[in-house]
Amino acid sequence: MDNNTGDGTTPLGHLDSGTDATGDLPDLDGLFDALASTVRRQTLCHLFDEPRTTVETLAALLASQRSTADAPVDPTERDRVAIELRHVHLPQLADATLIEYDSTTGDVRLREFPDPVRDLLRFTQRYERAIEDGSSDGVDGSRL
């Protein structure tokens, strides 16, 4: 079964399909630098669910994750997050070949990953869930 959408993006189902994605492996240091930021990992998690989006949509989502029920999203915070995404996070994810980012239109697309990159991203998601849950279940190397 071909899981490629034809435009280089990868739907979430493909990330879990076990099929080999084609493409070169990104530079390891660049990959780890890209994954070192919570904002960039949250951006990738959103893109797993919605492989095509815009800077404005991502900014609204990330700003809402920082707000509470008592304090709705502040437009100033959303604008600050959008600037941060445009100038820092999205270019770094694009440099690591994890996304395609068009700075002119603000379009963001998830790229297709080779298996080792997909495995690493799945591990980071499991690890963050374990931290949130206060559990180490499912994060040791034997369960990859």
C-alpha atoms as a PDB file:
ATOM      1  CA  MET A   1       0.000   0.000   0.000  1.00  0.00           C
ATOM      2  CA  ASP A   2       1.391   3.412  -0.940  1.00  0.00           C
ATOM      3  CA  ASN A   3       1.025   5.868   1.949  1.00  0.00           C
ATOM      4  CA  ASN A   4       2.634   8.796   0.177  1.00  0.00           C
ATOM      5  CA  THR A   5       0.165  11.615  -0.406  1.00  0.00           C
ATOM      6  CA  GLY A   6       2.017  12.529  -3.582  1.00  0.00           C
ATOM      7  CA  ASP A   7       3.252  15.822  -2.224  1.00  0.00           C
ATOM      8  CA  GLY A   8       5.927  14.688   0.237  1.00  0.00           C
ATOM      9  CA  THR A   9       3.702  14.881   3.308  1.00  0.00           C
ATOM     10  CA  THR A  10       3.141  11.976   5.645  1.00  0.00           C
ATOM     11  CA  PRO A  11      -0.227  11.239   7.219  1.00  0.00           C
ATOM     12  CA  LEU A  12      -0.117  10.005  10.822  1.00  0.00           C
ATOM     13  CA  GLY A  13      -1.256   6.530   9.774  1.00  0.00           C
ATOM     14  CA  HIS A  14       1.867   6.214   7.659  1.00  0.00           C
ATOM     15  CA  LEU A  15       4.052   7.036  10.654  1.00  0.00           C
ATOM     16  CA  ASP A  16       2.705   3.940  12.372  1.00  0.00           C
ATOM     17  CA  SER A  17       2.412   1.692   9.342  1.00  0.00           C
ATOM     18  CA  GLY A  18       5.829   0.069   9.560  1.00  0.00           C
ATOM     19  CA  THR A  19       6.422   0.576   5.853  1.00  0.00           C
ATOM     20  CA  ASP A  20       9.707   2.054   4.746  1.00  0.00           C
ATOM     21  CA  ALA A  21       9.616   5.697   3.771  1.00  0.00           C
ATOM     22  CA  THR A  22      12.051   6.737   1.110  1.00  0.00           C
ATOM     23  CA  GLY A  23      14.511   9.557   1.454  1.00  0.00           C
ATOM     24  CA  ASP A  24      17.841  10.385   2.946  1.00  0.00           C
ATOM     25  CA  LEU A  25      18.426  10.447   6.659  1.00  0.00           C
ATOM     26  CA  PRO A  26      18.756  13.956   8.075  1.00  0.00           C
ATOM     27  CA  ASP A  27      21.939  15.031   9.817  1.00  0.00           C
ATOM     28  CA  LEU A  28      21.834  13.539  13.336  1.00  0.00           C
ATOM     29  CA  ASP A  29      22.976  16.703  15.135  1.00  0.00           C
ATOM     30  CA  GLY A  30      20.438  18.785  13.221  1.00  0.00           C
ATOM     31  CA  LEU A  31      17.709  16.267  14.012  1.00  0.00           C
ATOM     32  CA  PHE A  32      18.453  16.308  17.746  1.00  0.00           C
ATOM     33  CA  ASP A  33      18.736  20.108  17.715  1.00  0.00           C
ATOM     34  CA  ALA A  34      15.315  20.268  16.071  1.00  0.00           C
ATOM     35  CA  LEU A  35      13.789  17.924  18.656  1.00  0.00           C
ATOM     36  CA  ALA A  36      15.410  19.730  21.606  1.00  0.00           C
ATOM     37  CA  SER A  37      12.612  22.308  21.749  1.00  0.00           C
ATOM     38  CA  THR A  38       9.205  21.627  23.249  1.00  0.00           C
ATOM     39  CA  VAL A  39       7.663  24.036  20.731  1.00  0.00           C
ATOM     40  CA  ARG A  40       9.146  22.101  17.809  1.00  0.00           C
ATOM     41  CA  ARG A  41       8.028  18.750  19.221  1.00  0.00           C
ATOM     42  CA  GLN A  42       4.509  20.121  19.796  1.00  0.00           C
ATOM     43  CA  THR A  43       4.526  21.447  16.244  1.00  0.00           C
ATOM     44  CA  LEU A  44       5.436  18.000  14.900  1.00  0.00           C
ATOM     45  CA  CYS A  45       2.741  16.357  17.037  1.00  0.00           C
ATOM     46  CA  HIS A  46       0.144  18.701  15.560  1.00  0.00           C
ATOM     47  CA  LEU A  47       1.432  17.988  12.064  1.00  0.00           C
ATOM     48  CA  PHE A  48       1.079  14.240  12.664  1.00  0.00           C
ATOM     49  CA  ASP A  49      -2.662  14.847  13.043  1.00  0.00           C
ATOM     50  CA  GLU A  50      -2.900  17.569  10.402  1.00  0.00           C
ATOM     51  CA  PRO A  51      -0.037  17.182   7.871  1.00  0.00           C
ATOM     52  CA  ARG A  52      -0.838  20.524   6.177  1.00  0.00           C
ATOM     53  CA  THR A  53      -1.427  23.715   8.100  1.00  0.00           C
ATOM     54  CA  THR A  54      -0.387  27.343   8.369  1.00  0.00           C
ATOM     55  CA  VAL A  55       1.774  29.364  10.725  1.00  0.00           C
ATOM     56  CA  GLU A  56      -1.328  31.139  12.040  1.00  0.00           C
ATOM     57  CA  THR A  57      -3.103  27.870  12.833  1.00  0.00           C
ATOM     58  CA  LEU A  58      -0.025  26.503  14.597  1.00  0.00           C
ATOM     59  CA  ALA A  59       0.415  29.739  16.557  1.00  0.00           C
ATOM     60  CA  ALA A  60      -3.200  29.658  17.740  1.00  0.00           C
ATOM     61  CA  LEU A  61      -2.877  26.007  18.753  1.00  0.00           C
ATOM     62  CA  LEU A  62       0.407  26.456  20.626  1.00  0.00           C
ATOM     63  CA  ALA A  63      -0.805  29.626  22.345  1.00  0.00           C
ATOM     64  CA  SER A  64      -3.978  27.818  23.452  1.00  0.00           C
ATOM     65  CA  GLN A  65      -1.890  25.006  24.939  1.00  0.00           C
ATOM     66  CA  ARG A  66      -0.161  27.603  27.122  1.00  0.00           C
ATOM     67  CA  SER A  67      -3.400  29.242  28.285  1.00  0.00           C
ATOM     68  CA  THR A  68      -5.753  28.034  30.991  1.00  0.00           C
ATOM     69  CA  ALA A  69      -9.524  27.796  31.167  1.00  0.00           C
ATOM     70  CA  ASP A  70      -9.528  30.934  33.330  1.00  0.00           C
ATOM     71  CA  ALA A  71      -7.289  32.852  30.924  1.00  0.00           C
ATOM     72  CA  PRO A  72      -8.262  32.537  27.263  1.00  0.00           C
ATOM     73  CA  VAL A  73      -5.692  32.930  24.519  1.00  0.00           C
ATOM     74  CA  ASP A  74      -4.261  36.423  24.446  1.00  0.00           C
ATOM     75  CA  PRO A  75      -3.906  37.724  20.863  1.00  0.00           C
ATOM     76  CA  THR A  76      -0.537  39.222  21.822  1.00  0.00           C
ATOM     77  CA  GLU A  77       0.685  35.788  22.927  1.00  0.00           C
ATOM     78  CA  ARG A  78      -0.591  34.215  19.711  1.00  0.00           C
ATOM     79  CA  ASP A  79       1.270  36.861  17.681  1.00  0.00           C
ATOM     80  CA  ARG A  80       4.437  36.283  19.726  1.00  0.00           C
ATOM     81  CA  VAL A  81       4.225  32.535  19.093  1.00  0.00           C
ATOM     82  CA  ALA A  82       3.681  33.149  15.355  1.00  0.00           C
ATOM     83  CA  ILE A  83       6.815  35.319  15.199  1.00  0.00           C
ATOM     84  CA  GLU A  84       8.787  32.674  17.098  1.00  0.00           C
ATOM     85  CA  LEU A  85       7.543  29.974  14.720  1.00  0.00           C
ATOM     86  CA  ARG A  86       8.379  32.000  11.594  1.00  0.00           C
ATOM     87  CA  HIS A  87      11.852  33.058  12.636  1.00  0.00           C
ATOM     88  CA  VAL A  88      13.109  30.180  14.795  1.00  0.00           C
ATOM     89  CA  HIS A  89      11.180  26.939  14.985  1.00  0.00           C
ATOM     90  CA  LEU A  90       9.830  26.334  11.477  1.00  0.00           C
ATOM     91  CA  PRO A  91      13.127  27.153   9.733  1.00  0.00           C
ATOM     92  CA  GLN A  92      14.939  24.772  12.085  1.00  0.00           C
ATOM     93  CA  LEU A  93      12.433  21.971  11.436  1.00  0.00           C
ATOM     94  CA  ALA A  94      12.771  22.612   7.704  1.00  0.00           C
ATOM     95  CA  ASP A  95      16.583  22.550   7.949  1.00  0.00           C
ATOM     96  CA  ALA A  96      16.291  19.152   9.671  1.00  0.00           C
ATOM     97  CA  THR A  97      14.140  18.002   6.702  1.00  0.00           C
ATOM     98  CA  LEU A  98      11.181  17.242   8.980  1.00  0.00           C
ATOM     99  CA  ILE A  99       8.827  19.764   7.391  1.00  0.00           C
ATOM    100  CA  GLU A 100       8.426  21.907   4.315  1.00  0.00           C
ATOM    101  CA  TYR A 101       7.885  25.554   5.186  1.00  0.00           C
ATOM    102  CA  ASP A 102       7.003  28.314   2.750  1.00  0.00           C
ATOM    103  CA  SER A 103       7.848  31.570   4.514  1.00  0.00           C
ATOM    104  CA  THR A 104       6.054  33.584   1.830  1.00  0.00           C
ATOM    105  CA  THR A 105       2.646  31.898   2.162  1.00  0.00           C
ATOM    106  CA  GLY A 106       3.011  30.603   5.727  1.00  0.00           C
ATOM    107  CA  ASP A 107       2.171  27.068   4.594  1.00  0.00           C
ATOM    108  CA  VAL A 108       3.638  24.209   6.629  1.00  0.00           C
ATOM    109  CA  ARG A 109       3.662  20.543   5.568  1.00  0.00           C
ATOM    110  CA  LEU A 110       4.951  17.433   7.259  1.00  0.00           C
ATOM    111  CA  ARG A 111       7.524  15.560   5.188  1.00  0.00           C
ATOM    112  CA  GLU A 112       7.828  11.829   4.735  1.00  0.00           C
ATOM    113  CA  PHE A 113      10.342  10.305   7.150  1.00  0.00           C
ATOM    114  CA  PRO A 114      12.749   7.379   6.827  1.00  0.00           C
ATOM    115  CA  ASP A 115      12.016   4.641   9.401  1.00  0.00           C
ATOM    116  CA  PRO A 116      14.776   5.592  11.899  1.00  0.00           C
ATOM    117  CA  VAL A 117      13.484   9.168  12.084  1.00  0.00           C
ATOM    118  CA  ARG A 118       9.893   7.968  12.459  1.00  0.00           C
ATOM    119  CA  ASP A 119      10.989   5.637  15.278  1.00  0.00           C
ATOM    120  CA  LEU A 120      12.790   8.461  17.074  1.00  0.00           C
ATOM    121  CA  LEU A 121       9.762  10.743  16.818  1.00  0.00           C
ATOM    122  CA  ARG A 122       7.475   8.016  18.158  1.00  0.00           C
ATOM    123  CA  PHE A 123       9.875   7.491  21.059  1.00  0.00           C
ATOM    124  CA  THR A 124       9.897  11.205  21.942  1.00  0.00           C
ATOM    125  CA  GLN A 125       6.088  11.190  21.994  1.00  0.00           C
ATOM    126  CA  ARG A 126       6.014   8.140  24.285  1.00  0.00           C
ATOM    127  CA  TYR A 127       8.671   9.665  26.517  1.00  0.00           C
ATOM    128  CA  GLU A 128       6.782  12.945  26.895  1.00  0.00           C
ATOM    129  CA  ARG A 129       3.544  11.070  27.673  1.00  0.00           C
ATOM    130  CA  ALA A 130       5.402   9.055  30.317  1.00  0.00           C
ATOM    131  CA  ILE A 131       6.723  12.251  31.905  1.00  0.00           C
ATOM    132  CA  GLU A 132       3.220  13.744  31.950  1.00  0.00           C
ATOM    133  CA  ASP A 133       1.807  10.525  33.440  1.00  0.00           C
ATOM    134  CA  GLY A 134       4.679  10.072  35.900  1.00  0.00           C
ATOM    135  CA  SER A 135       5.377   6.581  34.542  1.00  0.00           C
ATOM    136  CA  SER A 136       8.300   4.947  32.778  1.00  0.00           C
ATOM    137  CA  ASP A 137       6.092   2.317  31.109  1.00  0.00           C
ATOM    138  CA  GLY A 138       6.804   2.001  27.416  1.00  0.00           C
ATOM    139  CA  VAL A 139       9.919   4.165  27.251  1.00  0.00           C
ATOM    140  CA  ASP A 140      12.747   1.710  27.777  1.00  0.00           C
ATOM    141  CA  GLY A 141      14.757   0.741  24.726  1.00  0.00           C
ATOM    142  CA  SER A 142      13.453  -2.833  24.699  1.00  0.00           C
ATOM    143  CA  ARG A 143       9.967  -1.654  23.770  1.00  0.00           C
ATOM    144  CA  LEU A 144      10.891   0.374  20.694  1.00  0.00           C
END
